[in-house]
N, C-alpha and C. Protein backbone atom coordinates (compact mmCIF):
# COMPACT_ATOMS: atom_id res chain seq x y z
N MET A 1 99.82 131.64 105.62
CA MET A 1 100.41 132.76 106.35
C MET A 1 99.35 133.82 106.58
N ASP A 2 99.41 134.46 107.73
CA ASP A 2 98.53 135.60 107.98
C ASP A 2 98.69 136.60 106.83
N SER A 3 97.57 137.08 106.31
CA SER A 3 97.64 137.97 105.15
C SER A 3 98.43 139.23 105.45
N ARG A 4 98.53 139.63 106.71
CA ARG A 4 99.27 140.83 107.05
C ARG A 4 100.77 140.61 107.05
N ALA A 5 101.20 139.34 107.17
CA ALA A 5 102.62 139.06 107.33
C ALA A 5 103.43 139.49 106.12
N GLY A 6 102.80 139.47 104.94
CA GLY A 6 103.51 139.90 103.75
C GLY A 6 103.54 141.41 103.61
N GLN A 7 102.93 142.14 104.56
CA GLN A 7 102.86 143.59 104.50
C GLN A 7 103.66 144.21 105.64
N ASN A 8 104.78 143.58 105.98
CA ASN A 8 105.67 144.09 107.03
C ASN A 8 104.95 144.27 108.35
N SER A 9 104.08 143.31 108.69
CA SER A 9 103.29 143.49 109.90
C SER A 9 103.27 142.25 110.78
N MET A 10 104.24 141.38 110.66
CA MET A 10 104.28 140.19 111.48
C MET A 10 104.61 140.55 112.93
N THR A 11 103.79 140.06 113.85
CA THR A 11 104.06 140.23 115.27
C THR A 11 104.53 138.89 115.83
N VAL A 12 105.67 138.92 116.49
CA VAL A 12 106.29 137.70 117.03
C VAL A 12 106.39 137.83 118.53
N MET A 13 106.08 136.75 119.24
CA MET A 13 106.35 136.73 120.68
C MET A 13 107.45 135.72 120.97
N ILE A 14 108.43 136.13 121.76
CA ILE A 14 109.49 135.25 122.24
C ILE A 14 109.19 134.91 123.69
N ALA A 15 109.06 133.63 123.99
CA ALA A 15 108.84 133.18 125.36
C ALA A 15 110.04 132.35 125.80
N ASP A 16 110.89 132.97 126.61
CA ASP A 16 112.13 132.32 127.07
C ASP A 16 112.52 132.99 128.38
N ASP A 17 113.02 132.20 129.33
CA ASP A 17 113.32 132.77 130.64
C ASP A 17 114.72 133.38 130.73
N HIS A 18 115.50 133.35 129.64
CA HIS A 18 116.83 133.94 129.64
C HIS A 18 116.76 135.31 128.96
N ALA A 19 116.87 136.37 129.77
CA ALA A 19 116.67 137.74 129.27
C ALA A 19 117.71 138.12 128.23
N ILE A 20 118.95 137.70 128.41
CA ILE A 20 120.00 138.06 127.45
C ILE A 20 119.72 137.38 126.11
N PHE A 21 119.30 136.12 126.13
CA PHE A 21 118.96 135.43 124.89
C PHE A 21 117.78 136.11 124.20
N ARG A 22 116.75 136.47 124.97
CA ARG A 22 115.60 137.15 124.38
C ARG A 22 116.02 138.45 123.71
N ALA A 23 116.90 139.20 124.37
CA ALA A 23 117.32 140.49 123.83
C ALA A 23 118.05 140.32 122.50
N GLY A 24 118.93 139.33 122.42
CA GLY A 24 119.65 139.09 121.18
C GLY A 24 118.73 138.64 120.06
N LEU A 25 117.81 137.74 120.39
CA LEU A 25 116.87 137.26 119.37
C LEU A 25 115.94 138.38 118.93
N ARG A 26 115.54 139.22 119.87
CA ARG A 26 114.68 140.35 119.51
C ARG A 26 115.36 141.27 118.50
N LEU A 27 116.62 141.56 118.72
CA LEU A 27 117.35 142.42 117.79
C LEU A 27 117.41 141.79 116.40
N ALA A 28 117.67 140.47 116.36
CA ALA A 28 117.75 139.77 115.08
C ALA A 28 116.41 139.79 114.36
N LEU A 29 115.32 139.62 115.10
CA LEU A 29 114.00 139.62 114.49
C LEU A 29 113.61 141.02 114.01
N GLU A 30 113.89 142.02 114.82
CA GLU A 30 113.51 143.38 114.46
C GLU A 30 114.29 143.92 113.26
N ALA A 31 115.41 143.27 112.96
CA ALA A 31 116.20 143.68 111.79
C ALA A 31 115.57 143.20 110.49
N ARG A 32 114.57 142.31 110.59
CA ARG A 32 113.93 141.78 109.39
C ARG A 32 112.76 142.68 108.98
N ALA A 33 112.68 142.95 107.69
CA ALA A 33 111.66 143.88 107.19
C ALA A 33 110.25 143.39 107.44
N GLU A 34 110.05 142.07 107.46
CA GLU A 34 108.70 141.54 107.60
C GLU A 34 108.19 141.53 109.04
N VAL A 35 109.04 141.88 109.98
CA VAL A 35 108.64 141.87 111.39
C VAL A 35 108.26 143.28 111.83
N ARG A 36 107.03 143.45 112.27
CA ARG A 36 106.55 144.75 112.73
C ARG A 36 106.83 144.95 114.21
N GLU A 37 106.62 143.87 114.98
CA GLU A 37 106.70 144.01 116.43
C GLU A 37 107.17 142.70 117.05
N VAL A 38 107.98 142.82 118.09
CA VAL A 38 108.42 141.65 118.86
C VAL A 38 108.04 141.87 120.31
N ARG A 39 107.34 140.91 120.87
CA ARG A 39 106.99 140.95 122.29
C ARG A 39 107.75 139.87 123.02
N GLU A 40 107.86 140.01 124.32
CA GLU A 40 108.65 139.07 125.12
C GLU A 40 107.86 138.58 126.32
N ALA A 41 108.14 137.33 126.70
CA ALA A 41 107.59 136.75 127.92
C ALA A 41 108.67 135.90 128.57
N GLY A 42 108.73 135.96 129.91
CA GLY A 42 109.74 135.19 130.62
C GLY A 42 109.23 133.91 131.22
N ASN A 43 107.90 133.70 131.15
CA ASN A 43 107.31 132.48 131.67
C ASN A 43 105.95 132.27 131.01
N VAL A 44 105.35 131.12 131.27
CA VAL A 44 104.09 130.77 130.63
C VAL A 44 102.96 131.70 131.06
N ASP A 45 102.95 132.09 132.33
CA ASP A 45 101.88 132.97 132.80
C ASP A 45 101.85 134.28 132.02
N GLU A 46 103.02 134.81 131.69
CA GLU A 46 103.06 136.07 130.93
C GLU A 46 102.46 135.89 129.54
N VAL A 47 102.66 134.72 128.94
CA VAL A 47 102.05 134.44 127.64
C VAL A 47 100.53 134.32 127.79
N MET A 48 100.10 133.60 128.81
CA MET A 48 98.67 133.37 129.01
C MET A 48 97.91 134.65 129.34
N ASN A 49 98.60 135.65 129.88
CA ASN A 49 97.96 136.90 130.26
C ASN A 49 97.88 137.92 129.13
N LEU A 50 98.23 137.50 127.92
CA LEU A 50 98.13 138.40 126.77
C LEU A 50 96.72 138.93 126.60
N ASP A 51 96.62 140.19 126.20
CA ASP A 51 95.34 140.75 125.81
C ASP A 51 94.84 139.99 124.59
N ALA A 52 93.61 139.52 124.66
CA ALA A 52 93.06 138.71 123.56
C ALA A 52 93.03 139.45 122.24
N LEU A 53 93.06 140.77 122.27
CA LEU A 53 93.01 141.55 121.03
C LEU A 53 94.40 141.74 120.42
N HIS A 54 95.43 141.29 121.09
CA HIS A 54 96.79 141.55 120.63
C HIS A 54 97.62 140.26 120.58
N HIS A 55 97.04 139.24 120.00
CA HIS A 55 97.76 137.99 119.85
C HIS A 55 98.89 138.14 118.83
N PRO A 56 100.02 137.51 119.07
CA PRO A 56 101.07 137.51 118.04
C PRO A 56 100.70 136.58 116.90
N ASP A 57 101.35 136.77 115.76
CA ASP A 57 101.14 135.87 114.63
C ASP A 57 101.82 134.53 114.85
N ILE A 58 102.86 134.51 115.68
CA ILE A 58 103.58 133.29 115.97
C ILE A 58 104.24 133.42 117.33
N LEU A 59 104.27 132.32 118.07
CA LEU A 59 104.95 132.26 119.36
C LEU A 59 106.20 131.41 119.20
N ILE A 60 107.35 131.98 119.54
CA ILE A 60 108.61 131.23 119.58
C ILE A 60 108.85 130.85 121.03
N LEU A 61 108.78 129.57 121.33
CA LEU A 61 108.68 129.08 122.70
C LEU A 61 109.86 128.19 123.09
N ASP A 62 110.46 128.51 124.23
CA ASP A 62 111.52 127.67 124.78
C ASP A 62 110.92 126.45 125.45
N LEU A 63 111.48 125.29 125.19
CA LEU A 63 110.97 124.04 125.76
C LEU A 63 111.03 124.04 127.28
N LYS A 64 112.04 124.68 127.85
CA LYS A 64 112.27 124.63 129.29
C LYS A 64 111.77 125.88 130.03
N ILE A 65 110.92 126.67 129.40
CA ILE A 65 110.43 127.89 130.05
C ILE A 65 109.63 127.54 131.30
N PRO A 66 109.81 128.29 132.39
CA PRO A 66 109.06 128.00 133.62
C PRO A 66 107.55 128.00 133.40
N GLY A 67 106.91 126.96 133.94
CA GLY A 67 105.46 126.85 133.86
C GLY A 67 104.95 126.00 132.73
N LEU A 68 105.84 125.56 131.84
CA LEU A 68 105.40 124.77 130.69
C LEU A 68 105.40 123.28 131.02
N THR A 69 104.27 122.65 130.80
CA THR A 69 104.17 121.20 130.92
C THR A 69 103.81 120.63 129.55
N ILE A 70 104.41 119.48 129.25
CA ILE A 70 104.15 118.81 127.97
C ILE A 70 103.33 117.55 128.27
N PRO A 71 102.21 117.31 127.58
CA PRO A 71 101.73 118.03 126.39
C PRO A 71 100.70 119.14 126.67
N ASP A 72 100.10 119.12 127.87
CA ASP A 72 98.94 119.99 128.10
C ASP A 72 99.26 121.47 127.92
N GLY A 73 100.47 121.89 128.31
CA GLY A 73 100.80 123.31 128.26
C GLY A 73 100.80 123.88 126.86
N ILE A 74 101.32 123.12 125.90
CA ILE A 74 101.36 123.61 124.52
C ILE A 74 99.96 123.75 123.96
N GLY A 75 99.11 122.77 124.26
CA GLY A 75 97.73 122.85 123.80
C GLY A 75 97.01 124.06 124.39
N ALA A 76 97.24 124.33 125.68
CA ALA A 76 96.61 125.48 126.33
C ALA A 76 97.09 126.79 125.72
N LEU A 77 98.38 126.86 125.41
CA LEU A 77 98.91 128.07 124.79
C LEU A 77 98.33 128.27 123.39
N ARG A 78 98.20 127.19 122.62
CA ARG A 78 97.61 127.31 121.28
C ARG A 78 96.20 127.88 121.37
N ARG A 79 95.42 127.39 122.33
CA ARG A 79 94.05 127.88 122.48
C ARG A 79 94.05 129.35 122.91
N ARG A 80 94.95 129.71 123.81
CA ARG A 80 95.00 131.09 124.30
C ARG A 80 95.41 132.05 123.19
N LEU A 81 96.22 131.56 122.25
CA LEU A 81 96.71 132.39 121.16
C LEU A 81 95.82 132.35 119.92
N GLY A 82 94.62 131.84 120.09
CA GLY A 82 93.71 131.78 118.95
C GLY A 82 94.17 130.79 117.89
N ASN A 83 94.85 129.72 118.33
CA ASN A 83 95.34 128.65 117.46
C ASN A 83 96.44 129.12 116.51
N LYS A 84 97.14 130.19 116.86
CA LYS A 84 98.28 130.63 116.06
C LYS A 84 99.44 129.63 116.25
N PRO A 85 100.36 129.52 115.30
CA PRO A 85 101.41 128.51 115.38
C PRO A 85 102.41 128.77 116.51
N ILE A 86 102.89 127.68 117.07
CA ILE A 86 103.95 127.73 118.08
C ILE A 86 105.18 127.05 117.49
N LEU A 87 106.29 127.76 117.52
CA LEU A 87 107.56 127.23 117.04
C LEU A 87 108.48 127.05 118.24
N MET A 88 108.88 125.83 118.50
CA MET A 88 109.77 125.55 119.63
C MET A 88 111.19 125.96 119.25
N LEU A 89 111.84 126.68 120.15
CA LEU A 89 113.25 127.05 119.97
C LEU A 89 113.97 126.63 121.24
N THR A 90 114.81 125.61 121.15
CA THR A 90 115.32 124.96 122.34
C THR A 90 116.75 124.48 122.17
N ALA A 91 117.41 124.29 123.29
CA ALA A 91 118.76 123.74 123.27
C ALA A 91 118.75 122.23 123.08
N SER A 92 117.60 121.60 123.26
CA SER A 92 117.51 120.14 123.18
C SER A 92 117.51 119.65 121.74
N SER A 93 118.41 118.75 121.43
CA SER A 93 118.42 118.10 120.11
C SER A 93 117.91 116.67 120.21
N ASP A 94 117.17 116.38 121.27
CA ASP A 94 116.62 115.05 121.48
C ASP A 94 115.39 114.84 120.61
N ALA A 95 115.42 113.78 119.81
CA ALA A 95 114.30 113.52 118.90
C ALA A 95 113.00 113.27 119.65
N GLY A 96 113.10 112.68 120.84
CA GLY A 96 111.91 112.43 121.64
C GLY A 96 111.24 113.73 122.08
N ASP A 97 112.05 114.72 122.45
CA ASP A 97 111.49 116.02 122.81
C ASP A 97 110.77 116.63 121.61
N MET A 98 111.38 116.52 120.43
CA MET A 98 110.79 117.08 119.22
C MET A 98 109.44 116.43 118.92
N VAL A 99 109.42 115.12 118.92
CA VAL A 99 108.19 114.40 118.62
C VAL A 99 107.11 114.72 119.64
N GLY A 100 107.49 114.82 120.93
CA GLY A 100 106.53 115.15 121.96
C GLY A 100 105.93 116.53 121.78
N CYS A 101 106.75 117.51 121.41
CA CYS A 101 106.25 118.87 121.19
C CYS A 101 105.32 118.93 119.99
N LEU A 102 105.69 118.27 118.91
CA LEU A 102 104.85 118.26 117.71
C LEU A 102 103.51 117.59 118.00
N GLY A 103 103.56 116.49 118.75
CA GLY A 103 102.33 115.80 119.10
C GLY A 103 101.43 116.62 120.00
N ALA A 104 102.04 117.51 120.79
CA ALA A 104 101.27 118.34 121.71
C ALA A 104 100.65 119.55 121.03
N GLY A 105 101.05 119.84 119.79
CA GLY A 105 100.45 120.94 119.07
C GLY A 105 101.40 121.96 118.50
N ALA A 106 102.71 121.80 118.75
CA ALA A 106 103.68 122.72 118.14
C ALA A 106 103.73 122.50 116.64
N SER A 107 104.05 123.56 115.91
CA SER A 107 104.11 123.48 114.44
C SER A 107 105.53 123.29 113.92
N GLY A 108 106.52 123.45 114.79
CA GLY A 108 107.90 123.30 114.34
C GLY A 108 108.84 123.24 115.52
N TYR A 109 110.08 122.87 115.22
CA TYR A 109 111.08 122.63 116.26
C TYR A 109 112.43 123.06 115.70
N VAL A 110 113.06 124.03 116.36
CA VAL A 110 114.36 124.55 115.93
C VAL A 110 115.31 124.52 117.12
N THR A 111 116.54 124.09 116.91
CA THR A 111 117.51 124.09 117.99
C THR A 111 118.22 125.44 118.07
N LYS A 112 118.64 125.81 119.26
CA LYS A 112 119.28 127.11 119.47
C LYS A 112 120.67 127.20 118.85
N SER A 113 121.20 126.08 118.39
CA SER A 113 122.48 126.10 117.68
C SER A 113 122.30 126.53 116.22
N SER A 114 121.05 126.66 115.76
CA SER A 114 120.77 127.06 114.38
C SER A 114 121.06 128.55 114.18
N ASP A 115 121.32 128.93 112.91
CA ASP A 115 121.51 130.36 112.66
C ASP A 115 120.17 131.02 112.35
N ILE A 116 120.17 132.34 112.25
CA ILE A 116 118.92 133.08 112.10
C ILE A 116 118.22 132.77 110.78
N ALA A 117 118.97 132.40 109.75
CA ALA A 117 118.34 132.06 108.47
C ALA A 117 117.49 130.81 108.61
N VAL A 118 117.97 129.84 109.37
CA VAL A 118 117.20 128.62 109.61
C VAL A 118 115.94 128.94 110.39
N LEU A 119 116.06 129.81 111.39
CA LEU A 119 114.89 130.19 112.18
C LEU A 119 113.84 130.83 111.29
N PHE A 120 114.25 131.71 110.37
CA PHE A 120 113.27 132.35 109.50
C PHE A 120 112.69 131.39 108.47
N GLU A 121 113.46 130.41 108.06
CA GLU A 121 112.90 129.36 107.19
C GLU A 121 111.78 128.64 107.93
N ALA A 122 112.02 128.34 109.20
CA ALA A 122 111.02 127.67 110.01
C ALA A 122 109.80 128.56 110.22
N ILE A 123 110.02 129.83 110.52
CA ILE A 123 108.91 130.77 110.71
C ILE A 123 108.03 130.83 109.46
N ARG A 124 108.66 130.98 108.31
CA ARG A 124 107.90 131.05 107.06
C ARG A 124 107.10 129.78 106.82
N MET A 125 107.70 128.64 107.11
CA MET A 125 107.02 127.38 106.85
C MET A 125 105.81 127.20 107.75
N VAL A 126 105.95 127.46 109.04
CA VAL A 126 104.82 127.23 109.93
C VAL A 126 103.72 128.27 109.72
N LEU A 127 104.09 129.50 109.36
CA LEU A 127 103.07 130.49 109.05
C LEU A 127 102.30 130.13 107.78
N ALA A 128 102.93 129.37 106.90
CA ALA A 128 102.27 128.93 105.67
C ALA A 128 101.43 127.67 105.90
N GLY A 129 101.42 127.20 107.14
CA GLY A 129 100.62 126.02 107.45
C GLY A 129 101.39 124.72 107.44
N GLY A 130 102.71 124.80 107.29
CA GLY A 130 103.53 123.60 107.25
C GLY A 130 104.09 123.23 108.62
N ILE A 131 105.00 122.27 108.61
CA ILE A 131 105.65 121.76 109.81
C ILE A 131 107.15 121.81 109.56
N TYR A 132 107.89 122.33 110.52
CA TYR A 132 109.34 122.40 110.35
C TYR A 132 110.03 121.51 111.38
N VAL A 133 110.92 120.64 110.88
CA VAL A 133 111.79 119.86 111.76
C VAL A 133 113.21 119.95 111.24
N PRO A 134 114.21 119.97 112.12
CA PRO A 134 115.59 120.09 111.68
C PRO A 134 116.18 118.75 111.27
N LEU A 135 116.92 118.76 110.18
CA LEU A 135 117.53 117.53 109.69
C LEU A 135 118.48 116.93 110.71
N ASP A 136 119.20 117.77 111.46
CA ASP A 136 120.20 117.22 112.38
C ASP A 136 119.56 116.45 113.52
N VAL A 137 118.32 116.77 113.88
CA VAL A 137 117.65 116.06 114.96
C VAL A 137 117.12 114.71 114.48
N VAL A 138 116.60 114.66 113.26
CA VAL A 138 116.02 113.40 112.77
C VAL A 138 117.05 112.51 112.08
N ALA A 139 118.23 113.05 111.78
CA ALA A 139 119.25 112.25 111.10
C ALA A 139 119.62 111.02 111.93
N GLY A 140 119.73 109.89 111.22
CA GLY A 140 120.15 108.67 111.88
C GLY A 140 119.06 107.95 112.63
N GLN A 141 117.82 108.43 112.55
CA GLN A 141 116.73 107.80 113.28
C GLN A 141 116.08 106.67 112.49
N GLY A 142 116.53 106.47 111.25
CA GLY A 142 116.01 105.37 110.45
C GLY A 142 114.57 105.60 110.03
N ASP A 143 113.87 104.51 109.77
CA ASP A 143 112.50 104.63 109.28
C ASP A 143 111.54 105.00 110.39
N GLY A 144 112.02 105.00 111.65
CA GLY A 144 111.14 105.36 112.75
C GLY A 144 110.62 106.76 112.62
N ILE A 145 111.51 107.74 112.50
CA ILE A 145 111.08 109.13 112.30
C ILE A 145 111.96 109.84 111.29
N GLY A 146 112.82 109.11 110.62
CA GLY A 146 113.84 109.77 109.81
C GLY A 146 113.46 110.02 108.37
N PHE A 147 114.44 110.52 107.63
CA PHE A 147 114.31 110.80 106.21
C PHE A 147 114.94 109.65 105.42
N ALA A 148 114.48 109.47 104.20
CA ALA A 148 115.11 108.48 103.34
C ALA A 148 116.57 108.85 103.11
N ASP A 149 117.44 107.84 103.04
CA ASP A 149 118.87 108.10 102.90
C ASP A 149 119.28 108.42 101.47
N ALA A 150 118.53 107.93 100.50
CA ALA A 150 118.95 108.08 99.11
C ALA A 150 118.70 109.50 98.61
N PRO A 151 119.47 109.94 97.60
CA PRO A 151 119.23 111.27 97.02
C PRO A 151 117.80 111.37 96.50
N LEU A 152 117.23 112.56 96.58
CA LEU A 152 115.84 112.74 96.21
C LEU A 152 115.71 113.27 94.79
N ASP A 153 114.82 112.66 94.02
CA ASP A 153 114.45 113.16 92.71
C ASP A 153 113.40 114.24 92.94
N PRO A 154 113.63 115.47 92.46
CA PRO A 154 112.68 116.55 92.72
C PRO A 154 111.26 116.22 92.25
N ALA A 155 111.14 115.45 91.18
CA ALA A 155 109.80 115.12 90.67
C ALA A 155 109.15 114.01 91.48
N ARG A 156 109.92 112.96 91.78
CA ARG A 156 109.40 111.82 92.52
C ARG A 156 110.36 111.48 93.65
N PRO A 157 110.27 112.19 94.75
CA PRO A 157 111.19 111.94 95.86
C PRO A 157 111.08 110.52 96.38
N ARG A 158 112.19 110.01 96.85
CA ARG A 158 112.18 108.69 97.47
C ARG A 158 111.85 108.86 98.94
N LEU A 159 110.81 108.17 99.40
CA LEU A 159 110.37 108.24 100.78
C LEU A 159 110.64 106.92 101.48
N THR A 160 110.72 106.97 102.80
CA THR A 160 110.79 105.72 103.55
C THR A 160 109.44 105.02 103.46
N GLY A 161 109.40 103.77 103.87
CA GLY A 161 108.15 103.03 103.81
C GLY A 161 107.05 103.68 104.63
N ARG A 162 107.39 104.14 105.83
CA ARG A 162 106.40 104.77 106.68
C ARG A 162 105.92 106.09 106.08
N GLN A 163 106.83 106.84 105.51
CA GLN A 163 106.45 108.11 104.90
C GLN A 163 105.51 107.88 103.72
N ALA A 164 105.76 106.82 102.95
CA ALA A 164 104.88 106.50 101.82
C ALA A 164 103.48 106.16 102.32
N GLN A 165 103.40 105.42 103.45
CA GLN A 165 102.10 105.12 104.04
C GLN A 165 101.36 106.40 104.44
N ILE A 166 102.09 107.28 105.11
CA ILE A 166 101.47 108.51 105.59
C ILE A 166 101.04 109.39 104.41
N LEU A 167 101.86 109.45 103.38
CA LEU A 167 101.48 110.22 102.20
C LEU A 167 100.19 109.69 101.60
N ASP A 168 100.03 108.37 101.53
CA ASP A 168 98.80 107.78 101.01
C ASP A 168 97.59 108.24 101.82
N PHE A 169 97.73 108.24 103.15
CA PHE A 169 96.62 108.69 104.00
C PHE A 169 96.33 110.18 103.79
N VAL A 170 97.38 110.97 103.64
CA VAL A 170 97.20 112.41 103.39
C VAL A 170 96.43 112.61 102.08
N LEU A 171 96.81 111.86 101.06
CA LEU A 171 96.14 111.98 99.76
C LEU A 171 94.68 111.58 99.84
N GLU A 172 94.35 110.73 100.82
CA GLU A 172 92.97 110.31 101.02
C GLU A 172 92.19 111.30 101.89
N GLY A 173 92.89 112.31 102.40
CA GLY A 173 92.23 113.36 103.16
C GLY A 173 92.16 113.16 104.66
N HIS A 174 92.93 112.20 105.20
CA HIS A 174 92.89 111.93 106.63
C HIS A 174 93.70 112.96 107.42
N ALA A 175 93.20 113.33 108.60
CA ALA A 175 93.90 114.26 109.49
C ALA A 175 95.03 113.53 110.22
N ASN A 176 95.96 114.30 110.76
CA ASN A 176 97.12 113.71 111.45
C ASN A 176 96.70 112.77 112.58
N LYS A 177 95.70 113.18 113.35
CA LYS A 177 95.27 112.37 114.49
C LYS A 177 94.73 111.02 114.02
N GLU A 178 93.98 111.02 112.93
CA GLU A 178 93.42 109.78 112.40
C GLU A 178 94.53 108.90 111.83
N ILE A 179 95.50 109.50 111.17
CA ILE A 179 96.63 108.73 110.65
C ILE A 179 97.39 108.07 111.80
N ALA A 180 97.60 108.83 112.87
CA ALA A 180 98.31 108.28 114.03
C ALA A 180 97.57 107.08 114.59
N TYR A 181 96.24 107.18 114.68
CA TYR A 181 95.43 106.08 115.21
C TYR A 181 95.51 104.85 114.31
N ARG A 182 95.40 105.07 113.02
CA ARG A 182 95.41 103.95 112.07
C ARG A 182 96.76 103.23 112.05
N LEU A 183 97.85 103.98 112.22
CA LEU A 183 99.18 103.37 112.15
C LEU A 183 99.74 103.03 113.53
N ASP A 184 98.98 103.35 114.57
CA ASP A 184 99.38 103.07 115.95
C ASP A 184 100.72 103.73 116.28
N ILE A 185 100.83 105.01 115.92
CA ILE A 185 102.00 105.80 116.24
C ILE A 185 101.52 107.12 116.83
N SER A 186 102.44 107.91 117.40
CA SER A 186 102.04 109.19 117.99
C SER A 186 101.77 110.23 116.90
N GLU A 187 100.95 111.21 117.26
CA GLU A 187 100.67 112.28 116.32
C GLU A 187 101.95 113.08 116.02
N GLY A 188 102.83 113.17 117.02
CA GLY A 188 104.10 113.85 116.80
C GLY A 188 104.95 113.16 115.75
N THR A 189 104.93 111.83 115.76
CA THR A 189 105.67 111.07 114.76
C THR A 189 105.08 111.28 113.38
N VAL A 190 103.75 111.34 113.30
CA VAL A 190 103.09 111.62 112.02
C VAL A 190 103.54 112.98 111.50
N LYS A 191 103.56 113.98 112.37
CA LYS A 191 103.97 115.33 111.96
C LYS A 191 105.42 115.35 111.49
N THR A 192 106.26 114.57 112.17
CA THR A 192 107.67 114.53 111.77
C THR A 192 107.81 113.93 110.38
N HIS A 193 107.11 112.84 110.13
CA HIS A 193 107.12 112.24 108.79
C HIS A 193 106.56 113.21 107.75
N LEU A 194 105.48 113.89 108.11
CA LEU A 194 104.85 114.81 107.17
C LEU A 194 105.80 115.96 106.83
N ALA A 195 106.54 116.43 107.84
CA ALA A 195 107.54 117.47 107.57
C ALA A 195 108.60 116.97 106.61
N ALA A 196 109.01 115.70 106.77
CA ALA A 196 110.00 115.11 105.87
C ALA A 196 109.46 115.01 104.45
N ILE A 197 108.19 114.63 104.33
CA ILE A 197 107.56 114.51 103.02
C ILE A 197 107.48 115.88 102.34
N MET A 198 107.07 116.89 103.09
CA MET A 198 106.98 118.24 102.53
C MET A 198 108.35 118.75 102.10
N ARG A 199 109.36 118.46 102.89
CA ARG A 199 110.71 118.88 102.51
C ARG A 199 111.15 118.17 101.24
N ALA A 200 110.83 116.87 101.14
CA ALA A 200 111.21 116.11 99.96
C ALA A 200 110.56 116.65 98.69
N TYR A 201 109.31 117.07 98.82
CA TYR A 201 108.59 117.61 97.67
C TYR A 201 108.77 119.13 97.51
N ASP A 202 109.52 119.73 98.43
CA ASP A 202 109.81 121.17 98.39
C ASP A 202 108.53 121.99 98.43
N VAL A 203 107.66 121.68 99.40
CA VAL A 203 106.43 122.42 99.59
C VAL A 203 106.32 122.81 101.06
N ASN A 204 105.37 123.72 101.37
CA ASN A 204 105.24 124.23 102.73
C ASN A 204 104.00 123.76 103.48
N ASN A 205 103.02 123.19 102.77
CA ASN A 205 101.80 122.79 103.46
C ASN A 205 101.11 121.67 102.68
N ARG A 206 100.00 121.19 103.22
CA ARG A 206 99.29 120.05 102.63
C ARG A 206 98.73 120.38 101.25
N VAL A 207 98.18 121.57 101.10
CA VAL A 207 97.59 121.94 99.81
C VAL A 207 98.66 121.90 98.72
N GLN A 208 99.81 122.51 98.99
CA GLN A 208 100.91 122.49 98.02
C GLN A 208 101.38 121.06 97.76
N LEU A 209 101.39 120.24 98.82
CA LEU A 209 101.82 118.85 98.66
C LEU A 209 100.89 118.10 97.73
N LEU A 210 99.59 118.25 97.92
CA LEU A 210 98.62 117.56 97.07
C LEU A 210 98.77 117.98 95.61
N ARG A 211 98.98 119.27 95.38
CA ARG A 211 99.16 119.75 94.02
C ARG A 211 100.44 119.21 93.40
N ARG A 212 101.54 119.19 94.19
CA ARG A 212 102.81 118.72 93.67
C ARG A 212 102.74 117.22 93.33
N VAL A 213 102.12 116.45 94.20
CA VAL A 213 101.99 115.01 93.94
C VAL A 213 101.14 114.76 92.70
N GLU A 214 100.06 115.54 92.57
CA GLU A 214 99.19 115.40 91.39
C GLU A 214 99.95 115.71 90.12
N ARG A 215 100.77 116.77 90.15
CA ARG A 215 101.53 117.14 88.96
C ARG A 215 102.61 116.10 88.64
N SER A 216 103.19 115.51 89.68
CA SER A 216 104.30 114.57 89.45
C SER A 216 103.81 113.16 89.16
N GLY A 217 102.51 112.95 89.33
CA GLY A 217 101.97 111.62 89.06
C GLY A 217 102.18 110.65 90.19
N GLY A 218 102.44 111.15 91.40
CA GLY A 218 102.57 110.26 92.57
C GLY A 218 103.91 110.42 93.23
């Protein structure tokens, strides 16, 4: 997380073409003590025209905002924002949309049917360097992109076969792109599995995951 975020100085940008939705979300964000400033954009050009000295700590981005193309648009926005995290906030609960956004460079995916507490859980996770995916989107997807069905032991969570493979690669120090290449899957799918693994181990990022696995013995 940006070191300033814990000092009531988080700056958030909302990029959505629905002005009424932006206004409501802005009020909800500004009510939080950790948020210093909320900026708004109605299209991609407005985000790209940001003053380089005033980048937000996180961009909350609508999947259907005018001017956004997947995957190139998300990558361009990440570069323009100094590689700050992008959290997708969308009406789409399609798992393919989620995987595509994660593969393009988004750090998380939240549906607009979620409540504000879920949104802030996602914000905290991606600012800490983690990946956030909603359980309702990945539910029922099986071992392709889903979570293990069995109850999880906090010390030794049960992972799907694919998640166990990805965890092994993470423990070996491989980046998401390299894991995707080795397993012949998309980088978005790797991120989705990694988010599931982090949730299972109750951690927010790779460093915490490595420590938790080391403490639990695997």
